[in-house]
Amino acid sequence: MPLMATINPGDEVIIPAPYWVSYPEMVALAGGEPVPVVCNRGTGFKLQPEALEKAITAKTNGSSCVRHRTRPARPIRAAN
């Protein structure tokens, strides 16, 4: 798992939400602390720079941000 090679114990890892159910557990297994950042319908479920900036702390690992290439829950195709 690539996360294990890049995360040190206690590192914070940003996870754009909605996310796949196992992402926080993957981060925790690698010794990190998951930090969910909400991405909503109004932004097309895209991570916004302002939200990302707010989530970054001194403990954030600069090389680790779990990102989703697919939308497992298909939030965009929710009831319109």
Protein backbone atom coordinates (compact mmCIF):
# COMPACT_ATOMS: atom_id res chain seq x y z
CA MET A 1 0.00 0.00 0.00
CA PRO A 2 1.60 3.29 -1.08
CA LEU A 3 0.31 5.12 1.99
CA MET A 4 2.52 3.01 4.26
CA ALA A 5 5.59 4.22 2.39
CA THR A 6 4.72 7.91 2.73
CA ILE A 7 3.00 8.28 6.12
CA ASN A 8 4.79 8.52 9.44
CA PRO A 9 2.99 7.78 12.72
CA GLY A 10 0.82 10.75 13.66
CA ASP A 11 0.85 12.38 10.20
CA GLU A 12 -2.45 13.92 9.18
CA VAL A 13 -3.76 12.81 5.81
CA ILE A 14 -6.44 14.83 4.02
CA ILE A 15 -9.33 12.83 2.60
CA PRO A 16 -11.84 14.60 0.33
CA ALA A 17 -15.39 13.57 1.33
CA PRO A 18 -17.48 11.86 0.19
CA TYR A 19 -14.91 9.08 0.15
CA TRP A 20 -14.75 5.34 -0.14
CA VAL A 21 -15.59 3.75 3.20
CA SER A 22 -12.14 2.23 3.74
CA TYR A 23 -10.01 5.37 3.16
CA PRO A 24 -9.89 6.49 6.82
CA GLU A 25 -9.07 2.93 7.91
CA MET A 26 -6.29 2.71 5.33
CA VAL A 27 -4.75 5.91 6.71
CA ALA A 28 -5.08 4.67 10.30
CA LEU A 29 -3.53 1.31 9.38
CA ALA A 30 -0.53 3.20 8.01
CA GLY A 31 -0.25 5.11 11.31
CA GLY A 32 -1.78 8.37 10.14
CA GLU A 33 -4.70 10.48 11.27
CA PRO A 34 -7.47 10.88 8.68
CA VAL A 35 -8.70 14.45 8.14
CA PRO A 36 -11.93 14.49 6.11
CA VAL A 37 -12.60 17.64 4.05
CA VAL A 38 -16.19 17.95 2.83
CA CYS A 39 -16.76 18.45 -0.89
CA ASN A 40 -20.37 19.23 -1.66
CA ARG A 41 -22.74 19.27 -4.58
CA GLY A 42 -22.42 23.05 -4.98
CA THR A 43 -18.76 22.62 -5.92
CA GLY A 44 -19.33 19.55 -8.07
CA PHE A 45 -17.84 17.44 -5.27
CA LYS A 46 -14.42 18.90 -6.07
CA LEU A 47 -11.92 19.73 -3.35
CA GLN A 48 -11.76 23.50 -3.04
CA PRO A 49 -8.45 25.30 -2.36
CA GLU A 50 -9.93 27.19 0.60
CA ALA A 51 -11.16 24.00 2.28
CA LEU A 52 -7.82 22.32 1.66
CA GLU A 53 -5.93 25.27 3.11
CA LYS A 54 -8.07 25.18 6.29
CA ALA A 55 -7.37 21.47 6.75
CA ILE A 56 -3.59 21.79 6.54
CA THR A 57 -1.73 21.92 9.85
CA ALA A 58 1.86 21.43 10.97
CA LYS A 59 1.10 17.69 11.24
CA THR A 60 -0.18 17.36 7.67
CA ASN A 61 2.04 15.15 5.55
CA GLY A 62 2.65 17.19 2.40
CA SER A 63 2.94 14.13 0.20
CA SER A 64 -0.26 12.43 1.29
CA CYS A 65 -3.75 13.34 0.24
CA VAL A 66 -6.07 10.45 -0.44
CA ARG A 67 -7.97 11.34 -3.56
CA HIS A 68 -10.75 9.57 -5.30
CA ARG A 69 -10.54 9.07 -9.04
CA THR A 70 -13.98 7.58 -9.15
CA ARG A 71 -17.02 8.43 -7.12
CA PRO A 72 -17.90 5.11 -5.50
CA ALA A 73 -21.22 6.34 -4.13
CA ARG A 74 -21.98 8.35 -7.29
CA PRO A 75 -23.08 11.46 -5.36
CA ILE A 76 -23.51 13.48 -8.55
CA ARG A 77 -26.10 11.03 -9.79
CA ALA A 78 -28.18 11.39 -6.64
CA ALA A 79 -31.85 12.20 -7.03
CA ASN A 80 -32.12 15.51 -8.83
